[in-house]
Amino acid sequence: MAHDHNTLLHRLSHEMQAMMGVYALYWKLEESFDAIEIELSHQECHMVIKLDQPRRMGVLAADMLSVPSTITSTADALEKAGYLRRERDPEDRRAWLLVLTEKGTETRQMLVAQAGALFQRASGLTKDETAEFARLARKIRENILKTGIPEGLKK
């Protein structure tokens, strides 16, 4: 059965093979992320991972392909739960930065480690293949940002 499926897959265009592979990887990673026992939503985990350094909410919204109102509510929930705090931006006292607390930093380190392990298991790629896939995925993401964020991500 698997042989028949692989034969069919190889008859498809490279574009279709790539789309099917990305979709399968996304599906597998979503399933795997659901298995991580953490009290945070996917959006909250995404924000914690993106906060490798203090960031303004507007910059974070663009980076997370989200609208400012979603970023604000996510930040509010994370702040209330003790994962981050708001600090004045020293470069512009009118603006606020989101900064991880110690709890947030520890959670980020755990999420990054677990996400990396999940990706390795789900993708089956070597370290060199992962680096090449990351390069190509960055290029795809940059093109999508230039041509317009998908409507479904703006909610």
C-alpha atoms as a PDB file:
ATOM      1  CA  MET A   1       0.000   0.000   0.000  1.00  0.00           C
ATOM      2  CA  ALA A   2       2.738   2.467   0.943  1.00  0.00           C
ATOM      3  CA  HIS A   3       4.557   1.605  -2.294  1.00  0.00           C
ATOM      4  CA  ASP A   4       1.444   2.470  -4.349  1.00  0.00           C
ATOM      5  CA  HIS A   5       1.091   5.771  -2.498  1.00  0.00           C
ATOM      6  CA  ASN A   6       4.761   6.670  -3.097  1.00  0.00           C
ATOM      7  CA  THR A   7       4.443   5.803  -6.806  1.00  0.00           C
ATOM      8  CA  LEU A   8       1.420   8.112  -7.087  1.00  0.00           C
ATOM      9  CA  LEU A   9       3.205  10.870  -5.187  1.00  0.00           C
ATOM     10  CA  HIS A  10       6.232  10.717  -7.509  1.00  0.00           C
ATOM     11  CA  ARG A  11       3.938  11.119 -10.537  1.00  0.00           C
ATOM     12  CA  LEU A  12       2.706  14.466  -9.188  1.00  0.00           C
ATOM     13  CA  SER A  13       4.448  17.757  -9.958  1.00  0.00           C
ATOM     14  CA  HIS A  14       7.150  18.976  -7.592  1.00  0.00           C
ATOM     15  CA  GLU A  15       4.801  21.775  -6.511  1.00  0.00           C
ATOM     16  CA  MET A  16       2.076  19.283  -5.551  1.00  0.00           C
ATOM     17  CA  GLN A  17       4.599  17.066  -3.782  1.00  0.00           C
ATOM     18  CA  ALA A  18       5.875  20.081  -1.818  1.00  0.00           C
ATOM     19  CA  MET A  19       2.354  21.188  -0.852  1.00  0.00           C
ATOM     20  CA  MET A  20       1.381  17.683   0.236  1.00  0.00           C
ATOM     21  CA  GLY A  21       4.588  17.358   2.276  1.00  0.00           C
ATOM     22  CA  VAL A  22       4.088  20.716   3.993  1.00  0.00           C
ATOM     23  CA  TYR A  23       0.449  19.885   4.739  1.00  0.00           C
ATOM     24  CA  ALA A  24       1.392  16.469   6.187  1.00  0.00           C
ATOM     25  CA  LEU A  25       4.144  18.060   8.307  1.00  0.00           C
ATOM     26  CA  TYR A  26       1.744  20.750   9.563  1.00  0.00           C
ATOM     27  CA  TRP A  27      -0.871  18.111  10.447  1.00  0.00           C
ATOM     28  CA  LYS A  28       1.695  15.966  12.284  1.00  0.00           C
ATOM     29  CA  LEU A  29       3.157  18.940  14.171  1.00  0.00           C
ATOM     30  CA  GLU A  30      -0.317  20.175  15.208  1.00  0.00           C
ATOM     31  CA  GLU A  31      -1.090  16.697  16.550  1.00  0.00           C
ATOM     32  CA  SER A  32       2.252  16.563  18.360  1.00  0.00           C
ATOM     33  CA  PHE A  33       1.880  20.066  19.860  1.00  0.00           C
ATOM     34  CA  ASP A  34      -1.471  19.034  21.288  1.00  0.00           C
ATOM     35  CA  ALA A  35       0.382  16.323  23.227  1.00  0.00           C
ATOM     36  CA  ILE A  36       2.591  18.887  25.018  1.00  0.00           C
ATOM     37  CA  GLU A  37       1.143  19.392  28.453  1.00  0.00           C
ATOM     38  CA  ILE A  38       1.095  23.146  28.914  1.00  0.00           C
ATOM     39  CA  GLU A  39      -1.569  25.525  30.116  1.00  0.00           C
ATOM     40  CA  LEU A  40      -1.029  27.911  27.178  1.00  0.00           C
ATOM     41  CA  SER A  41      -2.992  28.193  23.922  1.00  0.00           C
ATOM     42  CA  HIS A  42      -1.231  27.838  20.560  1.00  0.00           C
ATOM     43  CA  GLN A  43      -1.292  31.640  20.148  1.00  0.00           C
ATOM     44  CA  GLU A  44       0.199  32.122  23.628  1.00  0.00           C
ATOM     45  CA  CYS A  45       2.941  29.560  22.920  1.00  0.00           C
ATOM     46  CA  HIS A  46       3.674  31.308  19.628  1.00  0.00           C
ATOM     47  CA  MET A  47       4.032  34.660  21.400  1.00  0.00           C
ATOM     48  CA  VAL A  48       6.290  33.243  24.117  1.00  0.00           C
ATOM     49  CA  ILE A  49       8.538  31.700  21.451  1.00  0.00           C
ATOM     50  CA  LYS A  50       8.671  34.995  19.499  1.00  0.00           C
ATOM     51  CA  LEU A  51       9.738  36.927  22.628  1.00  0.00           C
ATOM     52  CA  ASP A  52      13.416  35.957  22.449  1.00  0.00           C
ATOM     53  CA  GLN A  53      14.001  39.650  23.181  1.00  0.00           C
ATOM     54  CA  PRO A  54      11.727  42.499  24.291  1.00  0.00           C
ATOM     55  CA  ARG A  55       9.411  43.545  21.454  1.00  0.00           C
ATOM     56  CA  ARG A  56       6.794  46.184  20.776  1.00  0.00           C
ATOM     57  CA  MET A  57       3.314  44.796  20.265  1.00  0.00           C
ATOM     58  CA  GLY A  58       3.000  46.285  16.751  1.00  0.00           C
ATOM     59  CA  VAL A  59       6.222  44.621  15.648  1.00  0.00           C
ATOM     60  CA  LEU A  60       5.087  41.373  17.256  1.00  0.00           C
ATOM     61  CA  ALA A  61       1.702  41.550  15.480  1.00  0.00           C
ATOM     62  CA  ALA A  62       3.405  41.828  12.094  1.00  0.00           C
ATOM     63  CA  ASP A  63       5.881  39.063  12.947  1.00  0.00           C
ATOM     64  CA  MET A  64       3.105  36.749  14.163  1.00  0.00           C
ATOM     65  CA  LEU A  65       0.906  37.521  11.130  1.00  0.00           C
ATOM     66  CA  SER A  66      -1.809  38.760  13.456  1.00  0.00           C
ATOM     67  CA  VAL A  67      -3.825  41.876  14.195  1.00  0.00           C
ATOM     68  CA  PRO A  68      -2.946  44.162  17.127  1.00  0.00           C
ATOM     69  CA  SER A  69      -6.167  43.348  19.038  1.00  0.00           C
ATOM     70  CA  THR A  70      -5.267  39.634  19.078  1.00  0.00           C
ATOM     71  CA  ILE A  71      -1.748  40.465  20.248  1.00  0.00           C
ATOM     72  CA  THR A  72      -3.129  42.681  23.020  1.00  0.00           C
ATOM     73  CA  SER A  73      -5.510  40.013  24.344  1.00  0.00           C
ATOM     74  CA  THR A  74      -2.822  37.331  24.143  1.00  0.00           C
ATOM     75  CA  ALA A  75      -0.339  39.596  25.950  1.00  0.00           C
ATOM     76  CA  ASP A  76      -2.956  40.412  28.599  1.00  0.00           C
ATOM     77  CA  ALA A  77      -3.512  36.697  29.293  1.00  0.00           C
ATOM     78  CA  LEU A  78       0.234  35.971  29.435  1.00  0.00           C
ATOM     79  CA  GLU A  79       0.836  38.947  31.713  1.00  0.00           C
ATOM     80  CA  LYS A  80      -1.970  37.888  34.063  1.00  0.00           C
ATOM     81  CA  ALA A  81      -0.503  34.349  34.207  1.00  0.00           C
ATOM     82  CA  GLY A  82       2.987  35.715  34.999  1.00  0.00           C
ATOM     83  CA  TYR A  83       4.761  34.868  31.724  1.00  0.00           C
ATOM     84  CA  LEU A  84       5.505  38.433  30.646  1.00  0.00           C
ATOM     85  CA  ARG A  85       5.398  42.042  31.747  1.00  0.00           C
ATOM     86  CA  ARG A  86       5.092  45.351  29.945  1.00  0.00           C
ATOM     87  CA  GLU A  87       7.930  47.867  30.173  1.00  0.00           C
ATOM     88  CA  ARG A  88       8.300  51.325  28.672  1.00  0.00           C
ATOM     89  CA  ASP A  89      10.439  51.358  25.538  1.00  0.00           C
ATOM     90  CA  PRO A  90      13.574  53.359  26.450  1.00  0.00           C
ATOM     91  CA  GLU A  91      13.787  54.552  22.813  1.00  0.00           C
ATOM     92  CA  ASP A  92      10.197  55.871  22.840  1.00  0.00           C
ATOM     93  CA  ARG A  93       8.587  56.419  26.246  1.00  0.00           C
ATOM     94  CA  ARG A  94       5.109  56.386  24.635  1.00  0.00           C
ATOM     95  CA  ALA A  95       5.558  52.778  23.491  1.00  0.00           C
ATOM     96  CA  TRP A  96       5.498  49.555  25.493  1.00  0.00           C
ATOM     97  CA  LEU A  97       7.690  46.490  25.184  1.00  0.00           C
ATOM     98  CA  LEU A  98       6.639  42.964  26.040  1.00  0.00           C
ATOM     99  CA  VAL A  99       9.339  41.280  28.134  1.00  0.00           C
ATOM    100  CA  LEU A 100       9.375  37.676  29.343  1.00  0.00           C
ATOM    101  CA  THR A 101       9.549  37.079  33.081  1.00  0.00           C
ATOM    102  CA  GLU A 102      11.714  34.306  34.524  1.00  0.00           C
ATOM    103  CA  LYS A 103       8.690  31.971  34.270  1.00  0.00           C
ATOM    104  CA  GLY A 104       8.219  33.052  30.648  1.00  0.00           C
ATOM    105  CA  THR A 105      11.890  32.543  29.799  1.00  0.00           C
ATOM    106  CA  GLU A 106      11.898  29.036  31.296  1.00  0.00           C
ATOM    107  CA  THR A 107       8.700  28.182  29.407  1.00  0.00           C
ATOM    108  CA  ARG A 108      10.181  29.540  26.170  1.00  0.00           C
ATOM    109  CA  GLN A 109      13.308  27.401  26.570  1.00  0.00           C
ATOM    110  CA  MET A 110      11.150  24.312  27.169  1.00  0.00           C
ATOM    111  CA  LEU A 111       8.897  25.068  24.175  1.00  0.00           C
ATOM    112  CA  VAL A 112      11.818  25.685  21.814  1.00  0.00           C
ATOM    113  CA  ALA A 113      13.497  22.420  22.887  1.00  0.00           C
ATOM    114  CA  GLN A 114      10.291  20.390  22.594  1.00  0.00           C
ATOM    115  CA  ALA A 115       9.325  21.996  19.272  1.00  0.00           C
ATOM    116  CA  GLY A 116      12.767  21.189  17.859  1.00  0.00           C
ATOM    117  CA  ALA A 117      12.491  17.576  18.950  1.00  0.00           C
ATOM    118  CA  LEU A 118       8.943  17.324  17.547  1.00  0.00           C
ATOM    119  CA  PHE A 119      10.085  18.739  14.219  1.00  0.00           C
ATOM    120  CA  GLN A 120      12.972  16.272  14.000  1.00  0.00           C
ATOM    121  CA  ARG A 121      10.697  13.300  14.745  1.00  0.00           C
ATOM    122  CA  ALA A 122       7.885  14.455  12.454  1.00  0.00           C
ATOM    123  CA  SER A 123      10.057  15.503   9.505  1.00  0.00           C
ATOM    124  CA  GLY A 124      12.684  12.768   9.561  1.00  0.00           C
ATOM    125  CA  LEU A 125      15.159  15.302   8.152  1.00  0.00           C
ATOM    126  CA  THR A 126      18.861  15.350   8.946  1.00  0.00           C
ATOM    127  CA  LYS A 127      20.420  18.480  10.505  1.00  0.00           C
ATOM    128  CA  ASP A 128      21.689  19.604   7.077  1.00  0.00           C
ATOM    129  CA  GLU A 129      18.292  18.948   5.472  1.00  0.00           C
ATOM    130  CA  THR A 130      16.607  20.855   8.316  1.00  0.00           C
ATOM    131  CA  ALA A 131      18.902  23.836   7.706  1.00  0.00           C
ATOM    132  CA  GLU A 132      18.056  23.797   3.991  1.00  0.00           C
ATOM    133  CA  PHE A 133      14.330  23.406   4.717  1.00  0.00           C
ATOM    134  CA  ALA A 134      14.554  26.352   7.152  1.00  0.00           C
ATOM    135  CA  ARG A 135      16.240  28.482   4.483  1.00  0.00           C
ATOM    136  CA  LEU A 136      13.515  27.651   1.962  1.00  0.00           C
ATOM    137  CA  ALA A 137      10.733  28.133   4.534  1.00  0.00           C
ATOM    138  CA  ARG A 138      12.109  31.610   5.402  1.00  0.00           C
ATOM    139  CA  LYS A 139      12.093  32.476   1.702  1.00  0.00           C
ATOM    140  CA  ILE A 140       8.475  31.305   1.397  1.00  0.00           C
ATOM    141  CA  ARG A 141       7.444  33.265   4.496  1.00  0.00           C
ATOM    142  CA  GLU A 142       9.154  36.433   3.234  1.00  0.00           C
ATOM    143  CA  ASN A 143       7.330  36.101  -0.102  1.00  0.00           C
ATOM    144  CA  ILE A 144       3.993  35.633   1.658  1.00  0.00           C
ATOM    145  CA  LEU A 145       4.629  38.713   3.809  1.00  0.00           C
ATOM    146  CA  LYS A 146       5.445  40.715   0.665  1.00  0.00           C
ATOM    147  CA  THR A 147       2.379  39.503  -1.249  1.00  0.00           C
ATOM    148  CA  GLY A 148      -0.119  39.684   1.618  1.00  0.00           C
ATOM    149  CA  ILE A 149      -0.971  37.849   4.821  1.00  0.00           C
ATOM    150  CA  PRO A 150      -3.666  35.166   4.330  1.00  0.00           C
ATOM    151  CA  GLU A 151      -7.098  36.416   5.458  1.00  0.00           C
ATOM    152  CA  GLY A 152      -7.545  33.504   7.885  1.00  0.00           C
ATOM    153  CA  LEU A 153      -4.485  34.642   9.876  1.00  0.00           C
ATOM    154  CA  LYS A 154      -5.738  38.198  10.384  1.00  0.00           C
ATOM    155  CA  LYS A 155      -8.379  37.206  12.944  1.00  0.00           C
END
